[in-house]
């Protein structure tokens, strides 16, 4: 019987195809105060309602407020990940059905 060397690779590729790909959506504007955060939260909560997993990364420099709108107190940010060499799992904050990563904590 002849051994098919590529059989293991085919099985791994088949297993990888069974996973759902993550999708990325950016909510941006050239102007502040247009409702990006509110749209992001409401859209995220609707995706969760439809049984999707959602991670929101708030990258609004100096004015990030996703955590505030969700009533969360953020202790770790994406800045901490780089400065303190944390893993991404260590900076994720659990919110109401969604996960968030904040850009900045203002004291």
N, C-alpha and C. Protein backbone atom coordinates (compact mmCIF):
# COMPACT_ATOMS: atom_id res chain seq x y z
N UNK A 1 0.85 -1.18 0.00
CA UNK A 1 0.00 0.00 0.00
C UNK A 1 0.89 1.24 0.00
N UNK A 2 0.56 2.17 -0.82
CA UNK A 2 1.33 3.39 -0.97
C UNK A 2 0.82 4.46 -0.01
N UNK A 3 1.76 5.18 0.66
CA UNK A 3 1.42 6.23 1.63
C UNK A 3 1.29 7.57 0.92
N UNK A 4 0.18 8.26 1.14
CA UNK A 4 -0.04 9.57 0.55
C UNK A 4 0.47 10.63 1.52
N UNK A 5 1.60 11.25 1.21
CA UNK A 5 2.21 12.23 2.10
C UNK A 5 1.33 13.47 2.29
N UNK A 6 0.53 13.81 1.33
CA UNK A 6 -0.28 15.02 1.41
C UNK A 6 -1.61 14.80 2.13
N UNK A 7 -1.89 13.58 2.52
CA UNK A 7 -3.17 13.29 3.17
C UNK A 7 -3.34 14.08 4.47
N UNK A 8 -2.28 14.14 5.28
CA UNK A 8 -2.35 14.90 6.54
C UNK A 8 -2.59 16.38 6.29
N UNK A 9 -1.94 16.92 5.26
CA UNK A 9 -2.13 18.33 4.91
C UNK A 9 -3.55 18.59 4.44
N UNK A 10 -4.08 17.70 3.63
CA UNK A 10 -5.48 17.86 3.18
C UNK A 10 -6.45 17.87 4.35
N UNK A 11 -6.21 17.02 5.32
CA UNK A 11 -7.09 16.96 6.50
C UNK A 11 -7.00 18.25 7.31
N UNK A 12 -5.79 18.80 7.45
CA UNK A 12 -5.63 20.07 8.18
C UNK A 12 -6.32 21.21 7.45
N UNK A 13 -6.18 21.26 6.13
CA UNK A 13 -6.85 22.31 5.35
C UNK A 13 -8.36 22.20 5.44
N UNK A 14 -8.87 20.98 5.41
CA UNK A 14 -10.32 20.75 5.53
C UNK A 14 -10.81 21.25 6.89
N UNK A 15 -10.06 20.94 7.95
CA UNK A 15 -10.44 21.38 9.29
C UNK A 15 -10.43 22.90 9.39
N UNK A 16 -9.46 23.55 8.76
CA UNK A 16 -9.39 25.01 8.79
C UNK A 16 -10.54 25.64 8.03
N UNK A 17 -11.03 25.02 6.98
CA UNK A 17 -12.13 25.56 6.19
C UNK A 17 -13.45 25.50 6.95
N UNK A 18 -13.51 24.65 7.97
CA UNK A 18 -14.74 24.53 8.75
C UNK A 18 -14.93 25.70 9.71
N UNK A 19 -13.87 26.49 9.97
CA UNK A 19 -13.97 27.64 10.86
C UNK A 19 -14.53 28.84 10.12
N UNK A 20 -15.33 29.62 10.83
CA UNK A 20 -15.86 30.86 10.26
C UNK A 20 -14.80 31.94 10.36
N UNK A 21 -14.61 32.66 9.28
CA UNK A 21 -13.63 33.74 9.26
C UNK A 21 -14.17 34.94 10.04
N UNK A 22 -13.26 35.61 10.73
CA UNK A 22 -13.63 36.83 11.43
C UNK A 22 -13.80 37.95 10.41
N UNK A 23 -14.68 38.85 10.71
CA UNK A 23 -14.91 40.01 9.85
C UNK A 23 -14.49 41.26 10.62
N UNK A 24 -13.97 42.22 9.92
CA UNK A 24 -13.55 43.48 10.51
C UNK A 24 -14.35 44.61 9.90
N UNK A 25 -14.90 45.46 10.77
CA UNK A 25 -15.65 46.64 10.32
C UNK A 25 -15.06 47.84 11.03
N UNK A 26 -14.72 48.87 10.28
CA UNK A 26 -14.21 50.11 10.86
C UNK A 26 -15.29 51.18 10.78
N UNK A 27 -15.48 51.88 11.88
CA UNK A 27 -16.42 52.99 11.92
C UNK A 27 -15.58 54.25 12.09
N UNK A 28 -15.53 55.07 11.04
CA UNK A 28 -14.64 56.24 11.05
C UNK A 28 -15.36 57.48 10.53
N UNK A 29 -14.80 58.62 10.89
CA UNK A 29 -15.30 59.89 10.39
C UNK A 29 -14.19 60.92 10.54
N UNK A 30 -14.20 61.92 9.70
CA UNK A 30 -13.23 62.99 9.79
C UNK A 30 -13.63 64.04 10.81
N UNK A 31 -14.79 63.89 11.40
CA UNK A 31 -15.30 64.88 12.35
C UNK A 31 -15.73 64.18 13.63
N UNK A 32 -15.51 64.82 14.73
CA UNK A 32 -15.95 64.29 16.02
C UNK A 32 -17.41 64.61 16.27
N UNK A 33 -18.01 63.86 17.17
CA UNK A 33 -19.37 64.15 17.61
C UNK A 33 -20.46 63.76 16.64
N UNK A 34 -20.18 62.84 15.72
CA UNK A 34 -21.19 62.44 14.75
C UNK A 34 -21.91 61.15 15.13
N UNK A 35 -21.51 60.53 16.25
CA UNK A 35 -22.21 59.34 16.74
C UNK A 35 -21.52 58.01 16.45
N UNK A 36 -20.24 58.03 16.16
CA UNK A 36 -19.51 56.79 15.85
C UNK A 36 -19.60 55.79 17.00
N UNK A 37 -19.42 56.25 18.21
CA UNK A 37 -19.45 55.34 19.36
C UNK A 37 -20.83 54.73 19.56
N UNK A 38 -21.87 55.56 19.44
CA UNK A 38 -23.23 55.04 19.60
C UNK A 38 -23.60 54.05 18.50
N UNK A 39 -23.22 54.34 17.28
CA UNK A 39 -23.48 53.41 16.18
C UNK A 39 -22.73 52.11 16.42
N UNK A 40 -21.47 52.22 16.83
CA UNK A 40 -20.65 51.04 17.08
C UNK A 40 -21.27 50.16 18.16
N UNK A 41 -21.68 50.75 19.26
CA UNK A 41 -22.27 49.97 20.36
C UNK A 41 -23.58 49.32 19.91
N UNK A 42 -24.46 50.08 19.30
CA UNK A 42 -25.74 49.51 18.90
C UNK A 42 -25.59 48.43 17.83
N UNK A 43 -24.70 48.64 16.88
CA UNK A 43 -24.44 47.63 15.85
C UNK A 43 -23.85 46.38 16.48
N UNK A 44 -22.92 46.56 17.42
CA UNK A 44 -22.30 45.43 18.11
C UNK A 44 -23.31 44.63 18.91
N UNK A 45 -24.18 45.33 19.63
CA UNK A 45 -25.20 44.63 20.42
C UNK A 45 -26.18 43.86 19.53
N UNK A 46 -26.48 44.40 18.35
CA UNK A 46 -27.35 43.68 17.42
C UNK A 46 -26.64 42.43 16.90
N UNK A 47 -25.36 42.54 16.61
CA UNK A 47 -24.60 41.35 16.17
C UNK A 47 -24.59 40.28 17.26
N UNK A 48 -24.44 40.70 18.52
CA UNK A 48 -24.48 39.76 19.63
C UNK A 48 -25.86 39.11 19.72
N UNK A 49 -26.89 39.91 19.53
CA UNK A 49 -28.26 39.37 19.56
C UNK A 49 -28.45 38.29 18.50
N UNK A 50 -27.72 38.42 17.40
CA UNK A 50 -27.78 37.43 16.31
C UNK A 50 -26.76 36.30 16.51
N UNK A 51 -26.27 36.18 17.73
CA UNK A 51 -25.36 35.10 18.13
C UNK A 51 -23.96 35.18 17.51
N UNK A 52 -23.49 36.40 17.29
CA UNK A 52 -22.11 36.61 16.84
C UNK A 52 -21.27 37.03 18.04
N UNK A 53 -20.00 36.76 17.97
CA UNK A 53 -19.07 37.25 18.99
C UNK A 53 -18.46 38.55 18.47
N UNK A 54 -18.37 39.55 19.37
CA UNK A 54 -17.94 40.89 18.95
C UNK A 54 -16.84 41.40 19.88
N UNK A 55 -15.78 41.92 19.27
CA UNK A 55 -14.72 42.62 19.98
C UNK A 55 -14.64 44.03 19.40
N UNK A 56 -14.84 45.03 20.23
CA UNK A 56 -14.74 46.43 19.80
C UNK A 56 -13.40 46.97 20.30
N UNK A 57 -12.63 47.52 19.38
CA UNK A 57 -11.36 48.16 19.75
C UNK A 57 -11.55 49.65 19.55
N UNK A 58 -11.58 50.39 20.66
CA UNK A 58 -11.79 51.83 20.63
C UNK A 58 -10.44 52.51 20.47
N UNK A 59 -10.19 53.03 19.28
CA UNK A 59 -8.90 53.65 18.99
C UNK A 59 -9.00 55.17 18.86
N UNK A 60 -10.02 55.75 19.44
CA UNK A 60 -10.19 57.20 19.42
C UNK A 60 -9.18 57.82 20.39
N UNK A 61 -8.14 58.42 19.85
CA UNK A 61 -7.04 58.94 20.66
C UNK A 61 -7.53 60.08 21.56
N UNK A 62 -7.43 59.88 22.85
CA UNK A 62 -7.76 60.91 23.83
C UNK A 62 -9.24 61.09 24.11
N UNK A 63 -10.11 60.60 23.24
CA UNK A 63 -11.54 60.81 23.43
C UNK A 63 -12.33 59.51 23.38
N UNK A 64 -11.66 58.38 23.49
CA UNK A 64 -12.36 57.10 23.47
C UNK A 64 -13.40 57.02 24.57
N UNK A 65 -14.61 56.60 24.23
CA UNK A 65 -15.66 56.58 25.26
C UNK A 65 -16.55 55.35 25.20
N UNK A 66 -16.15 54.33 24.46
CA UNK A 66 -16.97 53.12 24.40
C UNK A 66 -17.16 52.55 25.80
N UNK A 67 -16.09 52.51 26.58
CA UNK A 67 -16.19 51.97 27.95
C UNK A 67 -17.14 52.81 28.80
N UNK A 68 -17.09 54.11 28.66
CA UNK A 68 -17.96 55.00 29.43
C UNK A 68 -19.42 54.78 29.06
N UNK A 69 -19.69 54.70 27.76
CA UNK A 69 -21.07 54.48 27.30
C UNK A 69 -21.62 53.13 27.75
N UNK A 70 -20.73 52.16 27.93
CA UNK A 70 -21.15 50.84 28.41
C UNK A 70 -21.15 50.73 29.93
N UNK A 71 -20.73 51.79 30.61
CA UNK A 71 -20.71 51.79 32.07
C UNK A 71 -19.60 50.93 32.65
N UNK A 72 -18.49 50.81 31.95
CA UNK A 72 -17.38 49.97 32.39
C UNK A 72 -16.23 50.81 32.94
N UNK A 73 -15.51 50.24 33.88
CA UNK A 73 -14.28 50.86 34.37
C UNK A 73 -13.12 50.04 33.81
N UNK A 74 -12.37 50.63 32.90
CA UNK A 74 -11.29 49.93 32.23
C UNK A 74 -10.01 50.07 33.04
N UNK A 75 -9.36 48.95 33.29
CA UNK A 75 -8.11 48.97 34.04
C UNK A 75 -6.89 48.79 33.15
N UNK A 76 -7.05 48.15 32.01
CA UNK A 76 -5.95 47.91 31.08
C UNK A 76 -6.33 48.40 29.70
N UNK A 77 -5.35 48.91 28.96
CA UNK A 77 -5.60 49.42 27.62
C UNK A 77 -4.61 48.82 26.63
N UNK A 78 -4.80 49.16 25.38
CA UNK A 78 -3.88 48.68 24.35
C UNK A 78 -2.47 49.25 24.58
N UNK A 79 -2.38 50.42 25.21
CA UNK A 79 -1.08 50.99 25.54
C UNK A 79 -0.37 50.11 26.56
N UNK A 80 -1.12 49.60 27.55
CA UNK A 80 -0.54 48.69 28.54
C UNK A 80 0.01 47.43 27.89
N UNK A 81 -0.65 46.98 26.85
CA UNK A 81 -0.21 45.77 26.16
C UNK A 81 1.23 45.96 25.66
N UNK A 82 1.51 47.12 25.10
CA UNK A 82 2.85 47.38 24.57
C UNK A 82 3.85 47.76 25.66
N UNK A 83 3.44 48.63 26.58
CA UNK A 83 4.38 49.10 27.59
C UNK A 83 4.71 48.04 28.64
N UNK A 84 3.71 47.21 29.01
CA UNK A 84 3.91 46.21 30.05
C UNK A 84 4.05 44.80 29.48
N UNK A 85 4.10 44.70 28.17
CA UNK A 85 4.27 43.41 27.48
C UNK A 85 3.19 42.40 27.89
N UNK A 86 1.94 42.86 27.89
CA UNK A 86 0.81 42.01 28.23
C UNK A 86 0.31 41.30 26.97
N UNK A 87 -0.41 40.22 27.18
CA UNK A 87 -1.05 39.57 26.04
C UNK A 87 -2.35 40.30 25.73
N UNK A 88 -2.85 40.10 24.54
CA UNK A 88 -4.11 40.76 24.17
C UNK A 88 -5.26 40.28 25.06
N UNK A 89 -5.21 39.03 25.50
CA UNK A 89 -6.26 38.52 26.39
C UNK A 89 -6.29 39.26 27.72
N UNK A 90 -5.13 39.77 28.15
CA UNK A 90 -5.06 40.47 29.43
C UNK A 90 -5.64 41.87 29.40
N UNK A 91 -5.85 42.43 28.22
CA UNK A 91 -6.38 43.80 28.13
C UNK A 91 -7.83 43.85 27.69
N UNK A 92 -8.40 42.71 27.38
CA UNK A 92 -9.80 42.69 26.95
C UNK A 92 -10.71 42.85 28.15
N UNK A 93 -11.64 43.78 28.03
CA UNK A 93 -12.63 44.05 29.07
C UNK A 93 -13.95 43.43 28.64
N UNK A 94 -14.61 42.73 29.54
CA UNK A 94 -15.89 42.11 29.21
C UNK A 94 -17.02 43.09 29.48
N UNK A 95 -17.82 43.31 28.47
CA UNK A 95 -18.96 44.21 28.58
C UNK A 95 -20.26 43.44 28.49
N UNK A 96 -21.35 44.10 28.20
CA UNK A 96 -22.67 43.45 28.12
C UNK A 96 -22.81 42.63 26.83
N UNK A 97 -22.19 41.46 26.81
CA UNK A 97 -22.27 40.60 25.64
C UNK A 97 -21.18 40.82 24.63
N UNK A 98 -20.46 41.92 24.76
CA UNK A 98 -19.36 42.21 23.84
C UNK A 98 -18.08 42.35 24.64
N UNK A 99 -16.97 42.26 23.96
CA UNK A 99 -15.67 42.51 24.56
C UNK A 99 -15.14 43.81 23.99
N UNK A 100 -14.38 44.54 24.80
CA UNK A 100 -13.80 45.79 24.29
C UNK A 100 -12.33 45.88 24.67
N UNK A 101 -11.60 46.60 23.84
CA UNK A 101 -10.23 47.01 24.15
C UNK A 101 -10.22 48.52 24.03
N UNK A 102 -9.83 49.16 25.12
CA UNK A 102 -9.78 50.62 25.12
C UNK A 102 -8.40 51.09 24.73
N UNK A 103 -8.36 52.30 24.19
CA UNK A 103 -7.11 52.88 23.73
C UNK A 103 -6.41 53.61 24.86
N UNK A 104 -7.16 54.23 25.74
CA UNK A 104 -6.56 55.12 26.72
C UNK A 104 -7.44 55.19 27.96
N UNK A 105 -6.80 55.28 29.11
CA UNK A 105 -7.52 55.49 30.36
C UNK A 105 -7.15 56.87 30.87
N UNK A 106 -8.15 57.70 31.09
CA UNK A 106 -7.92 59.03 31.65
C UNK A 106 -8.25 59.00 33.14
N UNK A 107 -7.31 59.41 33.97
CA UNK A 107 -7.54 59.41 35.41
C UNK A 107 -8.08 60.73 35.89
